[in-house]
Amino acid sequence: MNQASRFFRAEEYIEKPQKFWESVIFTDECLIQNNPNKQRLWLHEDEEVLATQRDPWQASILIWGAISFSGKLIIEVVDGNMNSQTFISKF
């Protein structure tokens, strides 16, 4: 999404009442993977960066967190994916 469309979308929420924001939860997750073969590359501006492959057998953890009107949740280390069923079972 480009900046103009994000701004247009954000304008929709400026006048939302407090009751609306009391029901909103912002979440994010981050997969941290131990990669002993991590490399740094020096590329020219016109060179394309190749996508790296995630090794499913490499040690990794998924960290998940959330904030809402009523506060923040404790950061969780998740076994598997954080989906609605996992969220409901934890909280």
PDB file of N, CA and C in Angstrom:
ATOM      1  N   MET A   1       0.840  -1.177   0.000  1.00  0.00           N
ATOM      2  CA  MET A   1       0.000   0.000   0.000  1.00  0.00           C
ATOM      3  C   MET A   1       0.889   1.246   0.000  1.00  0.00           C
ATOM      4  N   ASN A   2       0.554   2.219  -0.802  1.00  0.00           N
ATOM      5  CA  ASN A   2       1.386   3.414  -0.816  1.00  0.00           C
ATOM      6  C   ASN A   2       0.934   4.416   0.252  1.00  0.00           C
ATOM      7  N   GLN A   3       1.713   5.449   0.442  1.00  0.00           N
ATOM      8  CA  GLN A   3       1.479   6.410   1.517  1.00  0.00           C
ATOM      9  C   GLN A   3       0.119   7.103   1.397  1.00  0.00           C
ATOM     10  N   ALA A   4      -0.268   7.489   0.206  1.00  0.00           N
ATOM     11  CA  ALA A   4      -1.539   8.197   0.018  1.00  0.00           C
ATOM     12  C   ALA A   4      -2.724   7.310   0.398  1.00  0.00           C
ATOM     13  N   SER A   5      -2.697   6.047  -0.008  1.00  0.00           N
ATOM     14  CA  SER A   5      -3.822   5.167   0.332  1.00  0.00           C
ATOM     15  C   SER A   5      -3.852   4.843   1.817  1.00  0.00           C
ATOM     16  N   ARG A   6      -2.660   4.746   2.461  1.00  0.00           N
ATOM     17  CA  ARG A   6      -2.636   4.527   3.916  1.00  0.00           C
ATOM     18  C   ARG A   6      -3.234   5.729   4.637  1.00  0.00           C
ATOM     19  N   PHE A   7      -2.893   6.929   4.172  1.00  0.00           N
ATOM     20  CA  PHE A   7      -3.425   8.142   4.788  1.00  0.00           C
ATOM     21  C   PHE A   7      -4.937   8.195   4.619  1.00  0.00           C
ATOM     22  N   PHE A   8      -5.426   7.890   3.427  1.00  0.00           N
ATOM     23  CA  PHE A   8      -6.862   7.891   3.166  1.00  0.00           C
ATOM     24  C   PHE A   8      -7.563   6.892   4.080  1.00  0.00           C
ATOM     25  N   ARG A   9      -6.975   5.726   4.229  1.00  0.00           N
ATOM     26  CA  ARG A   9      -7.564   4.701   5.105  1.00  0.00           C
ATOM     27  C   ARG A   9      -7.548   5.151   6.562  1.00  0.00           C
ATOM     28  N   ALA A  10      -6.475   5.806   6.991  1.00  0.00           N
ATOM     29  CA  ALA A  10      -6.376   6.282   8.380  1.00  0.00           C
ATOM     30  C   ALA A  10      -7.428   7.338   8.674  1.00  0.00           C
ATOM     31  N   GLU A  11      -7.767   8.153   7.685  1.00  0.00           N
ATOM     32  CA  GLU A  11      -8.772   9.204   7.892  1.00  0.00           C
ATOM     33  C   GLU A  11     -10.129   8.627   8.286  1.00  0.00           C
ATOM     34  N   GLU A  12     -10.415   7.409   7.859  1.00  0.00           N
ATOM     35  CA  GLU A  12     -11.681   6.763   8.208  1.00  0.00           C
ATOM     36  C   GLU A  12     -11.832   6.588   9.721  1.00  0.00           C
ATOM     37  N   TYR A  13     -10.706   6.501  10.423  1.00  0.00           N
ATOM     38  CA  TYR A  13     -10.737   6.165  11.847  1.00  0.00           C
ATOM     39  C   TYR A  13     -10.588   7.368  12.775  1.00  0.00           C
ATOM     40  N   ILE A  14     -10.371   8.554  12.232  1.00  0.00           N
ATOM     41  CA  ILE A  14     -10.144   9.738  13.068  1.00  0.00           C
ATOM     42  C   ILE A  14     -11.333  10.033  13.965  1.00  0.00           C
ATOM     43  N   GLU A  15     -12.527   9.926  13.436  1.00  0.00           N
ATOM     44  CA  GLU A  15     -13.728  10.296  14.186  1.00  0.00           C
ATOM     45  C   GLU A  15     -14.391   9.123  14.918  1.00  0.00           C
ATOM     46  N   LYS A  16     -13.722   7.975  14.961  1.00  0.00           N
ATOM     47  CA  LYS A  16     -14.313   6.826  15.663  1.00  0.00           C
ATOM     48  C   LYS A  16     -14.441   7.154  17.151  1.00  0.00           C
ATOM     49  N   PRO A  17     -15.554   6.762  17.781  1.00  0.00           N
ATOM     50  CA  PRO A  17     -15.743   7.046  19.214  1.00  0.00           C
ATOM     51  C   PRO A  17     -14.831   6.172  20.090  1.00  0.00           C
ATOM     52  N   GLN A  18     -14.672   6.578  21.322  1.00  0.00           N
ATOM     53  CA  GLN A  18     -13.815   5.841  22.257  1.00  0.00           C
ATOM     54  C   GLN A  18     -14.285   4.399  22.406  1.00  0.00           C
ATOM     55  N   LYS A  19     -15.574   4.175  22.389  1.00  0.00           N
ATOM     56  CA  LYS A  19     -16.118   2.812  22.531  1.00  0.00           C
ATOM     57  C   LYS A  19     -15.543   1.889  21.454  1.00  0.00           C
ATOM     58  N   PHE A  20     -15.369   2.405  20.233  1.00  0.00           N
ATOM     59  CA  PHE A  20     -14.770   1.618  19.150  1.00  0.00           C
ATOM     60  C   PHE A  20     -13.348   1.218  19.519  1.00  0.00           C
ATOM     61  N   TRP A  21     -12.528   2.182  19.978  1.00  0.00           N
ATOM     62  CA  TRP A  21     -11.118   1.907  20.276  1.00  0.00           C
ATOM     63  C   TRP A  21     -10.949   0.990  21.482  1.00  0.00           C
ATOM     64  N   GLU A  22     -11.957   0.939  22.354  1.00  0.00           N
ATOM     65  CA  GLU A  22     -11.906   0.012  23.490  1.00  0.00           C
ATOM     66  C   GLU A  22     -12.009  -1.434  23.043  1.00  0.00           C
ATOM     67  N   SER A  23     -12.472  -1.666  21.821  1.00  0.00           N
ATOM     68  CA  SER A  23     -12.623  -3.040  21.325  1.00  0.00           C
ATOM     69  C   SER A  23     -11.520  -3.449  20.346  1.00  0.00           C
ATOM     70  N   VAL A  24     -10.520  -2.591  20.134  1.00  0.00           N
ATOM     71  CA  VAL A  24      -9.464  -2.864  19.160  1.00  0.00           C
ATOM     72  C   VAL A  24      -8.229  -3.432  19.857  1.00  0.00           C
ATOM     73  N   ILE A  25      -7.630  -4.442  19.252  1.00  0.00           N
ATOM     74  CA  ILE A  25      -6.374  -5.004  19.745  1.00  0.00           C
ATOM     75  C   ILE A  25      -5.367  -4.958  18.594  1.00  0.00           C
ATOM     76  N   PHE A  26      -4.192  -4.377  18.852  1.00  0.00           N
ATOM     77  CA  PHE A  26      -3.105  -4.369  17.873  1.00  0.00           C
ATOM     78  C   PHE A  26      -2.139  -5.487  18.268  1.00  0.00           C
ATOM     79  N   THR A  27      -1.808  -6.337  17.310  1.00  0.00           N
ATOM     80  CA  THR A  27      -0.901  -7.450  17.593  1.00  0.00           C
ATOM     81  C   THR A  27       0.229  -7.486  16.574  1.00  0.00           C
ATOM     82  N   ASP A  28       1.308  -8.134  16.963  1.00  0.00           N
ATOM     83  CA  ASP A  28       2.411  -8.364  16.038  1.00  0.00           C
ATOM     84  C   ASP A  28       3.169  -9.594  16.501  1.00  0.00           C
ATOM     85  N   GLU A  29       3.820 -10.222  15.570  1.00  0.00           N
ATOM     86  CA  GLU A  29       4.622 -11.396  15.897  1.00  0.00           C
ATOM     87  C   GLU A  29       5.951 -11.314  15.164  1.00  0.00           C
ATOM     88  N   CYS A  30       6.933 -12.021  15.702  1.00  0.00           N
ATOM     89  CA  CYS A  30       8.265 -12.017  15.105  1.00  0.00           C
ATOM     90  C   CYS A  30       8.856 -13.414  15.254  1.00  0.00           C
ATOM     91  N   LEU A  31       9.303 -13.973  14.151  1.00  0.00           N
ATOM     92  CA  LEU A  31       9.970 -15.264  14.174  1.00  0.00           C
ATOM     93  C   LEU A  31      11.465 -15.017  14.287  1.00  0.00           C
ATOM     94  N   ILE A  32      12.061 -15.575  15.313  1.00  0.00           N
ATOM     95  CA  ILE A  32      13.501 -15.444  15.520  1.00  0.00           C
ATOM     96  C   ILE A  32      14.108 -16.811  15.276  1.00  0.00           C
ATOM     97  N   GLN A  33      15.060 -16.835  14.360  1.00  0.00           N
ATOM     98  CA  GLN A  33      15.656 -18.107  13.964  1.00  0.00           C
ATOM     99  C   GLN A  33      17.167 -18.043  14.144  1.00  0.00           C
ATOM    100  N   ASN A  34      17.710 -19.065  14.751  1.00  0.00           N
ATOM    101  CA  ASN A  34      19.155 -19.165  14.904  1.00  0.00           C
ATOM    102  C   ASN A  34      19.742 -19.558  13.560  1.00  0.00           C
ATOM    103  N   ASN A  35      20.570 -18.698  13.010  1.00  0.00           N
ATOM    104  CA  ASN A  35      21.148 -18.968  11.706  1.00  0.00           C
ATOM    105  C   ASN A  35      22.665 -18.809  11.774  1.00  0.00           C
ATOM    106  N   PRO A  36      23.390 -19.897  11.993  1.00  0.00           N
ATOM    107  CA  PRO A  36      24.851 -19.790  12.088  1.00  0.00           C
ATOM    108  C   PRO A  36      25.507 -19.420  10.761  1.00  0.00           C
ATOM    109  N   ASN A  37      24.784 -19.537   9.656  1.00  0.00           N
ATOM    110  CA  ASN A  37      25.340 -19.227   8.342  1.00  0.00           C
ATOM    111  C   ASN A  37      24.968 -17.826   7.862  1.00  0.00           C
ATOM    112  N   LYS A  38      24.535 -16.977   8.773  1.00  0.00           N
ATOM    113  CA  LYS A  38      24.127 -15.628   8.390  1.00  0.00           C
ATOM    114  C   LYS A  38      25.296 -14.886   7.751  1.00  0.00           C
ATOM    115  N   GLN A  39      25.012 -14.226   6.650  1.00  0.00           N
ATOM    116  CA  GLN A  39      26.047 -13.501   5.922  1.00  0.00           C
ATOM    117  C   GLN A  39      25.584 -12.082   5.642  1.00  0.00           C
ATOM    118  N   ARG A  40      26.542 -11.188   5.536  1.00  0.00           N
ATOM    119  CA  ARG A  40      26.254  -9.824   5.127  1.00  0.00           C
ATOM    120  C   ARG A  40      26.777  -9.635   3.716  1.00  0.00           C
ATOM    121  N   LEU A  41      26.011  -8.937   2.915  1.00  0.00           N
ATOM    122  CA  LEU A  41      26.385  -8.730   1.526  1.00  0.00           C
ATOM    123  C   LEU A  41      26.492  -7.246   1.220  1.00  0.00           C
ATOM    124  N   TRP A  42      27.466  -6.898   0.425  1.00  0.00           N
ATOM    125  CA  TRP A  42      27.577  -5.537  -0.092  1.00  0.00           C
ATOM    126  C   TRP A  42      27.071  -5.576  -1.524  1.00  0.00           C
ATOM    127  N   LEU A  43      26.012  -4.825  -1.792  1.00  0.00           N
ATOM    128  CA  LEU A  43      25.421  -4.817  -3.121  1.00  0.00           C
ATOM    129  C   LEU A  43      25.429  -3.405  -3.688  1.00  0.00           C
ATOM    130  N   HIS A  44      25.527  -3.324  -4.990  1.00  0.00           N
ATOM    131  CA  HIS A  44      25.362  -2.037  -5.660  1.00  0.00           C
ATOM    132  C   HIS A  44      23.887  -1.659  -5.628  1.00  0.00           C
ATOM    133  N   GLU A  45      23.601  -0.373  -5.769  1.00  0.00           N
ATOM    134  CA  GLU A  45      22.218   0.109  -5.694  1.00  0.00           C
ATOM    135  C   GLU A  45      21.296  -0.589  -6.686  1.00  0.00           C
ATOM    136  N   ASP A  46      21.793  -0.936  -7.843  1.00  0.00           N
ATOM    137  CA  ASP A  46      20.946  -1.542  -8.867  1.00  0.00           C
ATOM    138  C   ASP A  46      20.832  -3.065  -8.743  1.00  0.00           C
ATOM    139  N   GLU A  47      21.510  -3.665  -7.783  1.00  0.00           N
ATOM    140  CA  GLU A  47      21.436  -5.120  -7.601  1.00  0.00           C
ATOM    141  C   GLU A  47      20.226  -5.482  -6.740  1.00  0.00           C
ATOM    142  N   GLU A  48      19.647  -6.610  -7.067  1.00  0.00           N
ATOM    143  CA  GLU A  48      18.481  -7.081  -6.342  1.00  0.00           C
ATOM    144  C   GLU A  48      18.915  -8.022  -5.213  1.00  0.00           C
ATOM    145  N   VAL A  49      18.277  -7.874  -4.057  1.00  0.00           N
ATOM    146  CA  VAL A  49      18.579  -8.756  -2.934  1.00  0.00           C
ATOM    147  C   VAL A  49      17.756 -10.026  -3.093  1.00  0.00           C
ATOM    148  N   LEU A  50      18.425 -11.157  -3.063  1.00  0.00           N
ATOM    149  CA  LEU A  50      17.739 -12.439  -3.193  1.00  0.00           C
ATOM    150  C   LEU A  50      17.049 -12.789  -1.885  1.00  0.00           C
ATOM    151  N   ALA A  51      15.863 -13.347  -1.999  1.00  0.00           N
ATOM    152  CA  ALA A  51      15.128 -13.776  -0.807  1.00  0.00           C
ATOM    153  C   ALA A  51      15.861 -14.934  -0.149  1.00  0.00           C
ATOM    154  N   THR A  52      15.900 -14.932   1.170  1.00  0.00           N
ATOM    155  CA  THR A  52      16.550 -16.027   1.879  1.00  0.00           C
ATOM    156  C   THR A  52      15.529 -17.115   2.179  1.00  0.00           C
ATOM    157  N   GLN A  53      15.986 -18.323   2.193  1.00  0.00           N
ATOM    158  CA  GLN A  53      15.117 -19.454   2.500  1.00  0.00           C
ATOM    159  C   GLN A  53      15.118 -19.698   4.001  1.00  0.00           C
ATOM    160  N   ARG A  54      13.934 -19.945   4.559  1.00  0.00           N
ATOM    161  CA  ARG A  54      13.829 -20.297   5.961  1.00  0.00           C
ATOM    162  C   ARG A  54      13.962 -21.802   6.085  1.00  0.00           C
ATOM    163  N   ASP A  55      14.885 -22.226   6.906  1.00  0.00           N
ATOM    164  CA  ASP A  55      15.106 -23.656   7.112  1.00  0.00           C
ATOM    165  C   ASP A  55      14.129 -24.146   8.179  1.00  0.00           C
ATOM    166  N   PRO A  56      13.165 -24.998   7.822  1.00  0.00           N
ATOM    167  CA  PRO A  56      12.166 -25.441   8.798  1.00  0.00           C
ATOM    168  C   PRO A  56      12.746 -26.300   9.918  1.00  0.00           C
ATOM    169  N   TRP A  57      13.963 -26.794   9.745  1.00  0.00           N
ATOM    170  CA  TRP A  57      14.571 -27.653  10.764  1.00  0.00           C
ATOM    171  C   TRP A  57      15.484 -26.875  11.694  1.00  0.00           C
ATOM    172  N   GLN A  58      15.668 -25.602  11.432  1.00  0.00           N
ATOM    173  CA  GLN A  58      16.533 -24.786  12.261  1.00  0.00           C
ATOM    174  C   GLN A  58      15.789 -24.343  13.523  1.00  0.00           C
ATOM    175  N   ALA A  59      16.509 -24.202  14.610  1.00  0.00           N
ATOM    176  CA  ALA A  59      15.893 -23.772  15.860  1.00  0.00           C
ATOM    177  C   ALA A  59      15.328 -22.362  15.689  1.00  0.00           C
ATOM    178  N   SER A  60      14.076 -22.167  16.096  1.00  0.00           N
ATOM    179  CA  SER A  60      13.456 -20.849  16.023  1.00  0.00           C
ATOM    180  C   SER A  60      12.352 -20.749  17.067  1.00  0.00           C
ATOM    181  N   ILE A  61      12.011 -19.519  17.412  1.00  0.00           N
ATOM    182  CA  ILE A  61      10.877 -19.282  18.305  1.00  0.00           C
ATOM    183  C   ILE A  61      10.030 -18.169  17.708  1.00  0.00           C
ATOM    184  N   LEU A  62       8.743 -18.207  18.002  1.00  0.00           N
ATOM    185  CA  LEU A  62       7.813 -17.179  17.570  1.00  0.00           C
ATOM    186  C   LEU A  62       7.423 -16.377  18.802  1.00  0.00           C
ATOM    187  N   ILE A  63       7.654 -15.077  18.744  1.00  0.00           N
ATOM    188  CA  ILE A  63       7.301 -14.194  19.857  1.00  0.00           C
ATOM    189  C   ILE A  63       6.111 -13.355  19.421  1.00  0.00           C
ATOM    190  N   TRP A  64       5.116 -13.214  20.299  1.00  0.00           N
ATOM    191  CA  TRP A  64       3.874 -12.521  19.971  1.00  0.00           C
ATOM    192  C   TRP A  64       3.535 -11.548  21.085  1.00  0.00           C
ATOM    193  N   GLY A  65       3.026 -10.393  20.720  1.00  0.00           N
ATOM    194  CA  GLY A  65       2.619  -9.411  21.704  1.00  0.00           C
ATOM    195  C   GLY A  65       1.419  -8.620  21.216  1.00  0.00           C
ATOM    196  N   ALA A  66       0.758  -7.927  22.145  1.00  0.00           N
ATOM    197  CA  ALA A  66      -0.435  -7.155  21.790  1.00  0.00           C
ATOM    198  C   ALA A  66      -0.604  -5.969  22.726  1.00  0.00           C
ATOM    199  N   ILE A  67      -1.227  -4.910  22.207  1.00  0.00           N
ATOM    200  CA  ILE A  67      -1.636  -3.779  23.031  1.00  0.00           C
ATOM    201  C   ILE A  67      -3.089  -3.465  22.709  1.00  0.00           C
ATOM    202  N   SER A  68      -3.771  -2.920  23.693  1.00  0.00           N
ATOM    203  CA  SER A  68      -5.164  -2.529  23.500  1.00  0.00           C
ATOM    204  C   SER A  68      -5.442  -1.301  24.357  1.00  0.00           C
ATOM    205  N   PHE A  69      -6.667  -0.833  24.327  1.00  0.00           N
ATOM    206  CA  PHE A  69      -7.070   0.336  25.105  1.00  0.00           C
ATOM    207  C   PHE A  69      -6.838   0.098  26.597  1.00  0.00           C
ATOM    208  N   SER A  70      -7.069  -1.122  27.039  1.00  0.00           N
ATOM    209  CA  SER A  70      -6.961  -1.422  28.468  1.00  0.00           C
ATOM    210  C   SER A  70      -5.548  -1.784  28.915  1.00  0.00           C
ATOM    211  N   GLY A  71      -4.593  -1.812  27.993  1.00  0.00           N
ATOM    212  CA  GLY A  71      -3.218  -2.090  28.386  1.00  0.00           C
ATOM    213  C   GLY A  71      -2.516  -2.998  27.407  1.00  0.00           C
ATOM    214  N   LYS A  72      -1.418  -3.554  27.871  1.00  0.00           N
ATOM    215  CA  LYS A  72      -0.630  -4.445  27.016  1.00  0.00           C
ATOM    216  C   LYS A  72      -0.670  -5.849  27.592  1.00  0.00           C
ATOM    217  N   LEU A  73      -0.443  -6.814  26.721  1.00  0.00           N
ATOM    218  CA  LEU A  73      -0.353  -8.200  27.151  1.00  0.00           C
ATOM    219  C   LEU A  73       1.113  -8.564  27.309  1.00  0.00           C
ATOM    220  N   ILE A  74       1.382  -9.528  28.143  1.00  0.00           N
ATOM    221  CA  ILE A  74       2.742 -10.020  28.321  1.00  0.00           C
ATOM    222  C   ILE A  74       3.175 -10.677  27.021  1.00  0.00           C
ATOM    223  N   ILE A  75       4.402 -10.420  26.604  1.00  0.00           N
ATOM    224  CA  ILE A  75       4.919 -11.040  25.383  1.00  0.00           C
ATOM    225  C   ILE A  75       4.946 -12.551  25.579  1.00  0.00           C
ATOM    226  N   GLU A  76       4.450 -13.265  24.599  1.00  0.00           N
ATOM    227  CA  GLU A  76       4.340 -14.718  24.663  1.00  0.00           C
ATOM    228  C   GLU A  76       5.297 -15.377  23.675  1.00  0.00           C
ATOM    229  N   VAL A  77       5.890 -16.486  24.086  1.00  0.00           N
ATOM    230  CA  VAL A  77       6.609 -17.346  23.159  1.00  0.00           C
ATOM    231  C   VAL A  77       5.597 -18.399  22.740  1.00  0.00           C
ATOM    232  N   VAL A  78       5.334 -18.500  21.439  1.00  0.00           N
ATOM    233  CA  VAL A  78       4.255 -19.336  20.927  1.00  0.00           C
ATOM    234  C   VAL A  78       4.823 -20.588  20.285  1.00  0.00           C
ATOM    235  N   ASP A  79       4.239 -21.726  20.621  1.00  0.00           N
ATOM    236  CA  ASP A  79       4.597 -22.979  19.980  1.00  0.00           C
ATOM    237  C   ASP A  79       3.641 -23.164  18.811  1.00  0.00           C
ATOM    238  N   GLY A  80       4.128 -23.010  17.602  1.00  0.00           N
ATOM    239  CA  GLY A  80       3.256 -23.065  16.431  1.00  0.00           C
ATOM    240  C   GLY A  80       2.876 -21.666  15.985  1.00  0.00           C
ATOM    241  N   ASN A  81       1.659 -21.502  15.462  1.00  0.00           N
ATOM    242  CA  ASN A  81       1.189 -20.206  14.976  1.00  0.00           C
ATOM    243  C   ASN A  81       0.222 -19.579  15.969  1.00  0.00           C
ATOM    244  N   MET A  82       0.231 -18.252  16.051  1.00  0.00           N
ATOM    245  CA  MET A  82      -0.755 -17.554  16.866  1.00  0.00           C
ATOM    246  C   MET A  82      -1.952 -17.264  15.968  1.00  0.00           C
ATOM    247  N   ASN A  83      -3.009 -18.008  16.184  1.00  0.00           N
ATOM    248  CA  ASN A  83      -4.245 -17.764  15.451  1.00  0.00           C
ATOM    249  C   ASN A  83      -5.354 -17.505  16.458  1.00  0.00           C
ATOM    250  N   SER A  84      -6.570 -17.330  16.013  1.00  0.00           N
ATOM    251  CA  SER A  84      -7.659 -16.978  16.932  1.00  0.00           C
ATOM    252  C   SER A  84      -7.875 -18.055  17.997  1.00  0.00           C
ATOM    253  N   GLN A  85      -7.759 -19.315  17.622  1.00  0.00           N
ATOM    254  CA  GLN A  85      -7.972 -20.384  18.602  1.00  0.00           C
ATOM    255  C   GLN A  85      -6.876 -20.396  19.669  1.00  0.00           C
ATOM    256  N   THR A  86      -5.618 -20.184  19.254  1.00  0.00           N
ATOM    257  CA  THR A  86      -4.525 -20.122  20.222  1.00  0.00           C
ATOM    258  C   THR A  86      -4.707 -18.936  21.146  1.00  0.00           C
ATOM    259  N   PHE A  87      -5.109 -17.790  20.591  1.00  0.00           N
ATOM    260  CA  PHE A  87      -5.323 -16.584  21.396  1.00  0.00           C
ATOM    261  C   PHE A  87      -6.405 -16.825  22.440  1.00  0.00           C
ATOM    262  N   ILE A  88      -7.528 -17.390  22.021  1.00  0.00           N
ATOM    263  CA  ILE A  88      -8.654 -17.644  22.935  1.00  0.00           C
ATOM    264  C   ILE A  88      -8.227 -18.607  24.040  1.00  0.00           C
ATOM    265  N   SER A  89      -7.458 -19.639  23.706  1.00  0.00           N
ATOM    266  CA  SER A  89      -7.044 -20.617  24.715  1.00  0.00           C
ATOM    267  C   SER A  89      -6.056 -20.014  25.724  1.00  0.00           C
ATOM    268  N   LYS A  90      -5.249 -19.030  25.314  1.00  0.00           N
ATOM    269  CA  LYS A  90      -4.284 -18.416  26.215  1.00  0.00           C
ATOM    270  C   LYS A  90      -4.918 -17.342  27.089  1.00  0.00           C
ATOM    271  N   PHE A  91      -5.883 -16.629  26.530  1.00  0.00           N
ATOM    272  CA  PHE A  91      -6.428 -15.477  27.243  1.00  0.00           C
ATOM    273  C   PHE A  91      -7.902 -15.644  27.425  1.00  0.00           C
TER     274      PHE A  91
END
